[in-house]
C-alpha atoms as a PDB file:
ATOM      1  CA  MET A   1       0.726 -44.512 -62.678  1.00  0.00           C
ATOM      2  CA  ARG A   2       4.098 -44.380 -60.948  1.00  0.00           C
ATOM      3  CA  HIS A   3       4.201 -40.797 -60.471  1.00  0.00           C
ATOM      4  CA  PHE A   4       0.433 -41.194 -58.899  1.00  0.00           C
ATOM      5  CA  VAL A   5       1.497 -43.935 -56.656  1.00  0.00           C
ATOM      6  CA  GLU A   6       4.581 -41.720 -55.593  1.00  0.00           C
ATOM      7  CA  GLU A   7       2.236 -39.122 -54.976  1.00  0.00           C
ATOM      8  CA  LEU A   8       0.067 -41.106 -52.723  1.00  0.00           C
ATOM      9  CA  GLU A   9       3.161 -42.249 -50.707  1.00  0.00           C
ATOM     10  CA  HIS A  10       3.709 -38.314 -50.122  1.00  0.00           C
ATOM     11  CA  LEU A  11       0.259 -38.051 -48.902  1.00  0.00           C
ATOM     12  CA  LYS A  12       0.622 -40.586 -46.319  1.00  0.00           C
ATOM     13  CA  THR A  13       4.199 -39.291 -45.247  1.00  0.00           C
ATOM     14  CA  LYS A  14       2.878 -35.930 -44.795  1.00  0.00           C
ATOM     15  CA  LEU A  15      -0.085 -37.293 -42.804  1.00  0.00           C
ATOM     16  CA  LEU A  16       2.332 -39.402 -40.510  1.00  0.00           C
ATOM     17  CA  GLU A  17       4.624 -36.188 -40.095  1.00  0.00           C
ATOM     18  CA  MET A  18       1.113 -34.258 -38.994  1.00  0.00           C
ATOM     19  CA  GLY A  19       0.437 -37.215 -36.912  1.00  0.00           C
ATOM     20  CA  ALA A  20       3.821 -37.267 -35.150  1.00  0.00           C
ATOM     21  CA  LEU A  21       3.648 -33.407 -34.540  1.00  0.00           C
ATOM     22  CA  VAL A  22       0.304 -33.922 -32.839  1.00  0.00           C
ATOM     23  CA  GLU A  23       1.015 -36.859 -30.678  1.00  0.00           C
ATOM     24  CA  ALA A  24       4.278 -34.649 -29.148  1.00  0.00           C
ATOM     25  CA  SER A  25       1.952 -32.023 -28.443  1.00  0.00           C
ATOM     26  CA  ILE A  26      -0.805 -33.983 -26.564  1.00  0.00           C
ATOM     27  CA  GLN A  27       2.399 -35.720 -24.651  1.00  0.00           C
ATOM     28  CA  ARG A  28       3.982 -32.165 -23.865  1.00  0.00           C
ATOM     29  CA  SER A  29       0.335 -30.777 -22.563  1.00  0.00           C
ATOM     30  CA  ILE A  30      -0.180 -33.808 -20.458  1.00  0.00           C
ATOM     31  CA  SER A  31       2.908 -33.303 -18.979  1.00  0.00           C
ATOM     32  CA  ALA A  32       2.611 -29.357 -18.180  1.00  0.00           C
ATOM     33  CA  VAL A  33      -0.501 -30.551 -16.350  1.00  0.00           C
ATOM     34  CA  THR A  34       0.914 -33.462 -14.591  1.00  0.00           C
ATOM     35  CA  GLN A  35       4.376 -32.370 -13.838  1.00  0.00           C
ATOM     36  CA  LYS A  36       3.653 -28.741 -13.876  1.00  0.00           C
ATOM     37  CA  ASP A  37       6.080 -28.460 -16.390  1.00  0.00           C
ATOM     38  CA  ARG A  38       6.060 -24.503 -18.211  1.00  0.00           C
ATOM     39  CA  ASN A  39       8.433 -25.348 -20.965  1.00  0.00           C
ATOM     40  CA  ALA A  40       6.466 -28.387 -22.149  1.00  0.00           C
ATOM     41  CA  ALA A  41       3.222 -26.169 -22.406  1.00  0.00           C
ATOM     42  CA  GLU A  42       5.340 -23.508 -24.598  1.00  0.00           C
ATOM     43  CA  GLU A  43       6.536 -26.005 -26.725  1.00  0.00           C
ATOM     44  CA  VAL A  44       3.121 -26.912 -27.637  1.00  0.00           C
ATOM     45  CA  PHE A  45       2.352 -23.204 -28.270  1.00  0.00           C
ATOM     46  CA  ARG A  46       5.276 -23.124 -30.287  1.00  0.00           C
ATOM     47  CA  ASN A  47       4.353 -26.261 -32.205  1.00  0.00           C
ATOM     48  CA  GLU A  48       1.021 -24.877 -33.196  1.00  0.00           C
ATOM     49  CA  ASP A  49       1.803 -23.113 -36.362  1.00  0.00           C
ATOM     50  CA  ARG A  50       3.556 -26.061 -37.725  1.00  0.00           C
ATOM     51  CA  VAL A  51       0.485 -28.013 -37.154  1.00  0.00           C
ATOM     52  CA  ASN A  52      -1.864 -25.755 -38.565  1.00  0.00           C
ATOM     53  CA  ALA A  53       0.297 -24.969 -41.957  1.00  0.00           C
ATOM     54  CA  ILE A  54       0.902 -29.195 -42.499  1.00  0.00           C
ATOM     55  CA  GLU A  55      -2.958 -29.287 -42.052  1.00  0.00           C
ATOM     56  CA  LEU A  56      -3.270 -26.774 -45.232  1.00  0.00           C
ATOM     57  CA  GLU A  57      -0.437 -28.226 -47.279  1.00  0.00           C
ATOM     58  CA  ILE A  58      -2.293 -32.091 -47.011  1.00  0.00           C
ATOM     59  CA  ASP A  59      -5.738 -30.725 -47.747  1.00  0.00           C
ATOM     60  CA  ASP A  60      -4.318 -28.792 -50.532  1.00  0.00           C
ATOM     61  CA  PHE A  61      -2.243 -31.785 -52.106  1.00  0.00           C
ATOM     62  CA  ALA A  62      -5.339 -34.280 -51.535  1.00  0.00           C
ATOM     63  CA  ILE A  63      -7.686 -31.649 -53.306  1.00  0.00           C
ATOM     64  CA  LYS A  64      -5.248 -31.659 -56.359  1.00  0.00           C
ATOM     65  CA  LEU A  65      -4.870 -35.436 -56.551  1.00  0.00           C
ATOM     66  CA  LEU A  66      -8.401 -35.925 -56.806  1.00  0.00           C
ATOM     67  CA  ALA A  67      -9.096 -33.047 -59.459  1.00  0.00           C
ATOM     68  CA  LEU A  68      -5.938 -34.355 -61.705  1.00  0.00           C
ATOM     69  CA  HIS A  69      -5.873 -38.240 -60.983  1.00  0.00           C
ATOM     70  CA  GLN A  70      -9.946 -38.958 -60.707  1.00  0.00           C
ATOM     71  CA  PRO A  71      -8.965 -41.862 -58.715  1.00  0.00           C
ATOM     72  CA  MET A  72     -11.356 -44.925 -58.046  1.00  0.00           C
ATOM     73  CA  ALA A  73     -11.985 -47.680 -55.181  1.00  0.00           C
ATOM     74  CA  ALA A  74      -9.278 -47.946 -53.083  1.00  0.00           C
ATOM     75  CA  ASP A  75      -7.309 -44.931 -54.127  1.00  0.00           C
ATOM     76  CA  LEU A  76      -9.976 -42.746 -53.742  1.00  0.00           C
ATOM     77  CA  ARG A  77     -10.837 -44.131 -50.381  1.00  0.00           C
ATOM     78  CA  LEU A  78      -7.250 -43.367 -49.106  1.00  0.00           C
ATOM     79  CA  ILE A  79      -7.416 -39.558 -50.228  1.00  0.00           C
ATOM     80  CA  VAL A  80     -11.182 -39.283 -48.577  1.00  0.00           C
ATOM     81  CA  ALA A  81      -9.651 -41.007 -45.388  1.00  0.00           C
ATOM     82  CA  ALA A  82      -6.667 -38.746 -45.710  1.00  0.00           C
ATOM     83  CA  LEU A  83      -8.807 -35.500 -45.808  1.00  0.00           C
ATOM     84  CA  LYS A  84     -10.746 -36.545 -42.688  1.00  0.00           C
ATOM     85  CA  ILE A  85      -7.820 -37.821 -40.530  1.00  0.00           C
ATOM     86  CA  ASN A  86      -5.997 -34.568 -41.121  1.00  0.00           C
ATOM     87  CA  THR A  87      -8.800 -32.587 -39.965  1.00  0.00           C
ATOM     88  CA  ASP A  88      -9.037 -34.973 -36.923  1.00  0.00           C
ATOM     89  CA  LEU A  89      -5.353 -34.511 -36.050  1.00  0.00           C
ATOM     90  CA  GLU A  90      -5.606 -30.828 -36.677  1.00  0.00           C
ATOM     91  CA  ARG A  91      -8.352 -30.618 -33.731  1.00  0.00           C
ATOM     92  CA  MET A  92      -6.108 -32.782 -31.884  1.00  0.00           C
ATOM     93  CA  GLY A  93      -3.624 -30.129 -31.757  1.00  0.00           C
ATOM     94  CA  ASP A  94      -6.062 -27.240 -31.002  1.00  0.00           C
ATOM     95  CA  LEU A  95      -7.092 -29.608 -28.057  1.00  0.00           C
ATOM     96  CA  SER A  96      -3.471 -29.849 -26.872  1.00  0.00           C
ATOM     97  CA  VAL A  97      -2.869 -26.060 -26.913  1.00  0.00           C
ATOM     98  CA  SER A  98      -6.005 -25.670 -24.724  1.00  0.00           C
ATOM     99  CA  ILE A  99      -4.628 -28.350 -22.129  1.00  0.00           C
ATOM    100  CA  ALA A 100      -1.499 -26.497 -22.310  1.00  0.00           C
ATOM    101  CA  GLU A 101      -3.536 -23.204 -21.330  1.00  0.00           C
ATOM    102  CA  ARG A 102      -4.828 -24.810 -18.643  1.00  0.00           C
ATOM    103  CA  ALA A 103      -1.772 -26.100 -17.118  1.00  0.00           C
ATOM    104  CA  LEU A 104      -0.248 -22.010 -17.054  1.00  0.00           C
ATOM    105  CA  SER A 105      -3.229 -21.671 -14.651  1.00  0.00           C
ATOM    106  CA  LEU A 106      -2.597 -25.224 -12.605  1.00  0.00           C
ATOM    107  CA  ILE A 107       0.673 -24.154 -12.145  1.00  0.00           C
ATOM    108  CA  GLU A 108       0.123 -21.254  -9.746  1.00  0.00           C
ATOM    109  CA  GLY A 109      -2.067 -23.280  -7.687  1.00  0.00           C
ATOM    110  CA  PRO A 110      -1.897 -26.284  -5.095  1.00  0.00           C
ATOM    111  CA  VAL A 111      -1.922 -29.913  -7.016  1.00  0.00           C
ATOM    112  CA  ILE A 112      -5.602 -31.560  -5.895  1.00  0.00           C
ATOM    113  CA  LYS A 113      -5.973 -35.172  -4.557  1.00  0.00           C
ATOM    114  CA  PRO A 114      -3.069 -35.714  -6.829  1.00  0.00           C
ATOM    115  CA  MET A 115      -4.660 -34.632 -10.002  1.00  0.00           C
ATOM    116  CA  ILE A 116      -7.333 -37.108  -9.811  1.00  0.00           C
ATOM    117  CA  ASP A 117      -7.394 -39.612 -12.386  1.00  0.00           C
ATOM    118  CA  ILE A 118      -6.012 -37.542 -15.194  1.00  0.00           C
ATOM    119  CA  PRO A 119      -2.744 -39.531 -15.532  1.00  0.00           C
ATOM    120  CA  HIS A 120      -4.676 -42.902 -16.060  1.00  0.00           C
ATOM    121  CA  ILE A 121      -7.254 -41.170 -18.465  1.00  0.00           C
ATOM    122  CA  ALA A 122      -4.167 -39.462 -20.388  1.00  0.00           C
ATOM    123  CA  GLY A 123      -2.559 -42.502 -20.793  1.00  0.00           C
ATOM    124  CA  LEU A 124      -5.514 -44.485 -22.357  1.00  0.00           C
ATOM    125  CA  VAL A 125      -6.093 -41.458 -24.364  1.00  0.00           C
ATOM    126  CA  GLN A 126      -2.408 -41.648 -25.966  1.00  0.00           C
ATOM    127  CA  SER A 127      -2.711 -44.975 -26.086  1.00  0.00           C
ATOM    128  CA  MET A 128      -5.685 -44.804 -28.266  1.00  0.00           C
ATOM    129  CA  VAL A 129      -3.951 -42.081 -30.434  1.00  0.00           C
ATOM    130  CA  ARG A 130      -1.104 -44.036 -31.104  1.00  0.00           C
ATOM    131  CA  LYS A 131      -3.222 -47.369 -31.877  1.00  0.00           C
ATOM    132  CA  ALA A 132      -5.325 -44.853 -34.372  1.00  0.00           C
ATOM    133  CA  LEU A 133      -2.190 -44.049 -36.372  1.00  0.00           C
ATOM    134  CA  ASP A 134      -0.371 -47.504 -36.394  1.00  0.00           C
ATOM    135  CA  ALA A 135      -3.806 -48.838 -37.572  1.00  0.00           C
ATOM    136  CA  PHE A 136      -3.630 -46.534 -40.539  1.00  0.00           C
ATOM    137  CA  VAL A 137       0.014 -47.109 -41.177  1.00  0.00           C
ATOM    138  CA  MET A 138      -0.792 -50.821 -41.114  1.00  0.00           C
ATOM    139  CA  ARG A 139      -4.047 -50.840 -42.604  1.00  0.00           C
ATOM    140  CA  ASP A 140      -5.072 -53.019 -39.646  1.00  0.00           C
ATOM    141  CA  ALA A 141      -8.604 -53.187 -38.952  1.00  0.00           C
ATOM    142  CA  ASP A 142      -8.266 -55.201 -35.742  1.00  0.00           C
ATOM    143  CA  LEU A 143      -6.012 -52.648 -34.216  1.00  0.00           C
ATOM    144  CA  ALA A 144      -8.588 -49.901 -35.154  1.00  0.00           C
ATOM    145  CA  ARG A 145     -11.655 -51.825 -33.980  1.00  0.00           C
ATOM    146  CA  SER A 146      -9.453 -51.640 -30.421  1.00  0.00           C
ATOM    147  CA  VAL A 147      -9.714 -47.937 -30.405  1.00  0.00           C
ATOM    148  CA  LEU A 148     -13.274 -48.062 -30.876  1.00  0.00           C
ATOM    149  CA  ALA A 149     -13.413 -50.363 -27.945  1.00  0.00           C
ATOM    150  CA  SER A 150     -11.576 -47.960 -25.481  1.00  0.00           C
ATOM    151  CA  ASP A 151     -13.647 -45.012 -26.262  1.00  0.00           C
ATOM    152  CA  ASP A 152     -16.132 -46.300 -23.448  1.00  0.00           C
ATOM    153  CA  ALA A 153     -13.708 -46.418 -20.725  1.00  0.00           C
ATOM    154  CA  VAL A 154     -12.402 -43.049 -21.686  1.00  0.00           C
ATOM    155  CA  ASP A 155     -16.161 -41.571 -21.208  1.00  0.00           C
ATOM    156  CA  SER A 156     -16.236 -43.531 -17.690  1.00  0.00           C
ATOM    157  CA  LEU A 157     -13.007 -42.636 -16.538  1.00  0.00           C
ATOM    158  CA  ARG A 158     -14.059 -38.808 -17.313  1.00  0.00           C
ATOM    159  CA  THR A 159     -17.589 -39.053 -15.718  1.00  0.00           C
ATOM    160  CA  ALA A 160     -16.102 -40.648 -12.433  1.00  0.00           C
ATOM    161  CA  CYS A 161     -13.581 -37.465 -12.556  1.00  0.00           C
ATOM    162  CA  TYR A 162     -16.320 -34.760 -13.231  1.00  0.00           C
ATOM    163  CA  HIS A 163     -18.234 -36.118 -10.147  1.00  0.00           C
ATOM    164  CA  GLU A 164     -14.881 -36.251  -8.170  1.00  0.00           C
ATOM    165  CA  LEU A 165     -14.081 -32.505  -9.151  1.00  0.00           C
ATOM    166  CA  ILE A 166     -17.479 -31.582  -8.315  1.00  0.00           C
ATOM    167  CA  SER A 167     -17.376 -32.890  -4.801  1.00  0.00           C
ATOM    168  CA  PHE A 168     -13.983 -31.177  -4.178  1.00  0.00           C
ATOM    169  CA  MET A 169     -15.422 -28.000  -4.953  1.00  0.00           C
ATOM    170  CA  GLU A 170     -18.495 -28.488  -3.098  1.00  0.00           C
ATOM    171  CA  LYS A 171     -16.327 -29.147   0.268  1.00  0.00           C
ATOM    172  CA  ASP A 172     -13.908 -26.411  -0.411  1.00  0.00           C
ATOM    173  CA  PRO A 173     -14.590 -23.625  -2.393  1.00  0.00           C
ATOM    174  CA  ALA A 174     -10.924 -22.603  -2.620  1.00  0.00           C
ATOM    175  CA  ASN A 175     -10.565 -25.675  -5.095  1.00  0.00           C
ATOM    176  CA  ILE A 176     -12.951 -24.286  -7.280  1.00  0.00           C
ATOM    177  CA  LYS A 177     -10.481 -22.464  -9.600  1.00  0.00           C
ATOM    178  CA  GLN A 178      -8.132 -25.524  -9.922  1.00  0.00           C
ATOM    179  CA  ALA A 179     -10.847 -28.292 -10.313  1.00  0.00           C
ATOM    180  CA  LEU A 180     -12.509 -25.960 -13.235  1.00  0.00           C
ATOM    181  CA  ASN A 181      -9.398 -26.307 -14.875  1.00  0.00           C
ATOM    182  CA  LEU A 182      -9.091 -29.614 -14.329  1.00  0.00           C
ATOM    183  CA  LEU A 183     -12.611 -30.255 -15.527  1.00  0.00           C
ATOM    184  CA  VAL A 184     -11.592 -28.706 -18.464  1.00  0.00           C
ATOM    185  CA  VAL A 185      -8.389 -30.999 -19.288  1.00  0.00           C
ATOM    186  CA  THR A 186     -10.345 -34.066 -18.723  1.00  0.00           C
ATOM    187  CA  ARG A 187     -13.062 -32.779 -21.179  1.00  0.00           C
ATOM    188  CA  ASN A 188     -10.403 -32.022 -23.581  1.00  0.00           C
ATOM    189  CA  LEU A 189      -8.941 -35.299 -23.184  1.00  0.00           C
ATOM    190  CA  GLU A 190     -12.260 -37.043 -23.868  1.00  0.00           C
ATOM    191  CA  ARG A 191     -12.164 -34.895 -27.344  1.00  0.00           C
ATOM    192  CA  ILE A 192      -8.974 -36.206 -28.164  1.00  0.00           C
ATOM    193  CA  ALA A 193      -9.917 -39.517 -27.572  1.00  0.00           C
ATOM    194  CA  ASP A 194     -13.176 -39.208 -29.768  1.00  0.00           C
ATOM    195  CA  HIS A 195     -10.953 -37.848 -32.787  1.00  0.00           C
ATOM    196  CA  SER A 196      -9.179 -40.817 -32.472  1.00  0.00           C
ATOM    197  CA  THR A 197     -12.412 -43.042 -32.555  1.00  0.00           C
ATOM    198  CA  ASN A 198     -12.799 -40.883 -35.910  1.00  0.00           C
ATOM    199  CA  ILE A 199      -9.337 -41.787 -36.952  1.00  0.00           C
ATOM    200  CA  ALA A 200     -10.293 -45.278 -36.390  1.00  0.00           C
ATOM    201  CA  GLU A 201     -13.694 -45.612 -38.252  1.00  0.00           C
ATOM    202  CA  ASP A 202     -11.548 -44.142 -41.390  1.00  0.00           C
ATOM    203  CA  VAL A 203      -9.296 -46.770 -41.516  1.00  0.00           C
ATOM    204  CA  LEU A 204     -12.162 -49.210 -41.230  1.00  0.00           C
ATOM    205  CA  PHE A 205     -13.595 -47.275 -44.164  1.00  0.00           C
ATOM    206  CA  LEU A 206     -10.205 -47.536 -45.959  1.00  0.00           C
ATOM    207  CA  VAL A 207      -9.275 -50.909 -45.125  1.00  0.00           C
ATOM    208  CA  LYS A 208     -12.626 -52.699 -45.391  1.00  0.00           C
ATOM    209  CA  GLY A 209     -15.001 -49.972 -47.178  1.00  0.00           C
ATOM    210  CA  ILE A 210     -17.362 -50.195 -44.184  1.00  0.00           C
ATOM    211  CA  ASP A 211     -18.909 -46.969 -42.569  1.00  0.00           C
ATOM    212  CA  VAL A 212     -19.272 -48.321 -39.012  1.00  0.00           C
ATOM    213  CA  ARG A 213     -19.986 -44.379 -37.681  1.00  0.00           C
ATOM    214  CA  HIS A 214     -23.577 -44.532 -35.369  1.00  0.00           C
ATOM    215  CA  HIS A 215     -22.865 -48.349 -35.498  1.00  0.00           C
ATOM    216  CA  ALA A 216     -23.802 -48.506 -38.946  1.00  0.00           C
ATOM    217  CA  GLU A 217     -21.349 -51.600 -39.654  1.00  0.00           C
ATOM    218  CA  SER A 218     -23.903 -53.715 -37.292  1.00  0.00           C
ATOM    219  CA  ARG A 219     -26.866 -52.654 -39.433  1.00  0.00           C
ATOM    220  CA  PRO A 220     -28.275 -55.213 -42.157  1.00  0.00           C
ATOM    221  CA  PRO A 221     -27.887 -54.347 -45.546  1.00  0.00           C
ATOM    222  CA  SER A 222     -30.681 -52.685 -47.151  1.00  0.00           C
END
């Protein structure tokens, strides 16, 4: 039993290592866009292989735990949540790479008004990622719910940014290339927020044993 507990701790440790790498990639990709930092973008690209390798490592380890120990109740929820969180983190890493790629294109052109609301959206998204991972570490259901509450704000900011960028393109065709790149950046930030929301939902499943996807938590029991 003690060996199994140690293995669960190792699983959590690897997941936190993955989370730290992905957080760093998100931060660097945003810096690459807002600061025109080519080195930050290159660091995101170099980090990608390590993120992918840890994803495979976590998946393999978690599946072995399921097969060898056939866990029940809270232990089973932890392993299932870890598998799902691992997938969301890897996708967040991919989105960081996409943002960094756009950053390289943006470096070549003028800054648009400066960056619209992207720094604001990015700050909110980074906060969601941090809170989602902290909620997992501390098994904090209230912190997880605060992540869910932030998602609507990101969606609203992304919509406002979309309309403003469309307006810039309509006013001056010279802005089209830069504005299109910024549209992709805002969309990818919104998707990172969505994956943070997924992680928060997995934390609630882990801690409370409830499924809040599609507002399931608010449905009356059958």
